[in-house]
């Protein structure tokens, strides 16, 4: 199946427009499905008390995932 090539990772979506208009932060917990073969590099991040992973994609895009790096690596290693 096509979708089996993707891994599901948790993200937090920030509504920047709402913040700019009202001064109130609005967030939504969600997830993103990524193809692990598009990852160029990843590293631990100090965001969220060090419980985040900064991912760089081969196309130059970046994303921050709120997981411990060990949990992120476990997800990638279990995916095959």
Protein backbone atom coordinates (compact mmCIF):
# COMPACT_ATOMS: atom_id res chain seq x y z
CA UNK A 1 0.00 0.00 0.00
CA UNK A 2 1.15 3.51 -0.75
CA UNK A 3 0.49 4.87 2.75
CA UNK A 4 2.67 2.23 4.42
CA UNK A 5 5.77 4.15 3.41
CA UNK A 6 4.86 6.99 5.78
CA UNK A 7 5.43 7.30 9.54
CA UNK A 8 3.02 9.14 11.82
CA UNK A 9 4.60 11.78 14.06
CA UNK A 10 2.97 14.15 16.59
CA UNK A 11 3.07 17.91 15.95
CA UNK A 12 1.61 21.07 17.44
CA UNK A 13 0.07 23.55 15.02
CA UNK A 14 0.33 27.22 16.01
CA UNK A 15 -2.18 29.71 14.58
CA UNK A 16 0.18 32.64 13.98
CA UNK A 17 -2.51 34.78 12.33
CA UNK A 18 -4.82 34.46 15.36
CA UNK A 19 -1.93 35.34 17.67
CA UNK A 20 -1.11 38.46 15.67
CA UNK A 21 -4.75 39.58 15.56
CA UNK A 22 -5.77 38.86 19.16
CA UNK A 23 -2.56 38.41 21.14
CA UNK A 24 -3.82 34.99 22.26
CA UNK A 25 -1.95 31.85 21.31
CA UNK A 26 -4.04 29.08 19.78
CA UNK A 27 -2.57 25.64 19.32
CA UNK A 28 -3.88 22.35 18.01
CA UNK A 29 -2.39 18.93 18.66
CA UNK A 30 -2.18 16.96 15.43
CA UNK A 31 0.13 14.66 13.51
CA UNK A 32 2.05 14.61 10.28
CA UNK A 33 2.71 11.66 8.01
CA UNK A 34 6.21 11.75 6.54
CA UNK A 35 8.18 9.52 4.24
CA UNK A 36 11.29 8.66 6.28
CA UNK A 37 13.33 8.36 3.08
CA UNK A 38 12.97 12.14 2.61
CA UNK A 39 14.79 12.88 5.88
CA UNK A 40 18.23 14.34 5.24
CA UNK A 41 19.25 14.85 8.88
CA UNK A 42 17.82 15.17 12.37
CA UNK A 43 19.05 16.39 15.72
CA UNK A 44 17.84 16.87 19.28
CA UNK A 45 16.34 20.27 20.08
CA UNK A 46 16.31 22.19 23.36
CA UNK A 47 12.68 23.15 22.73
CA UNK A 48 10.11 21.59 25.09
CA UNK A 49 12.77 20.89 27.75
CA UNK A 50 14.82 18.90 25.25
CA UNK A 51 11.91 16.66 24.28
CA UNK A 52 11.89 17.60 20.62
CA UNK A 53 13.58 16.60 17.39
CA UNK A 54 14.49 19.04 14.62
CA UNK A 55 14.17 17.30 11.24
CA UNK A 56 15.77 18.55 8.02
CA UNK A 57 14.38 17.14 4.79
CA UNK A 58 16.36 16.56 1.62
CA UNK A 59 14.28 19.22 -0.15
CA UNK A 60 15.38 21.85 2.40
CA UNK A 61 12.22 21.86 4.51
CA UNK A 62 12.35 21.57 8.28
CA UNK A 63 9.94 20.55 11.04
CA UNK A 64 9.99 20.23 14.81
CA UNK A 65 8.54 17.05 16.32
CA UNK A 66 7.68 16.92 20.03
CA UNK A 67 9.25 13.57 20.91
CA UNK A 68 12.36 12.53 22.75
CA UNK A 69 15.02 11.71 20.20
CA UNK A 70 15.11 8.11 21.45
CA UNK A 71 11.36 7.74 20.81
CA UNK A 72 11.74 9.28 17.35
CA UNK A 73 14.54 6.85 16.49
CA UNK A 74 12.44 3.93 17.77
CA UNK A 75 9.59 4.93 15.44
CA UNK A 76 11.98 5.16 12.48
CA UNK A 77 13.64 1.83 13.29
CA UNK A 78 10.31 0.01 13.66
CA UNK A 79 9.14 1.34 10.31
CA UNK A 80 10.06 -0.95 7.46
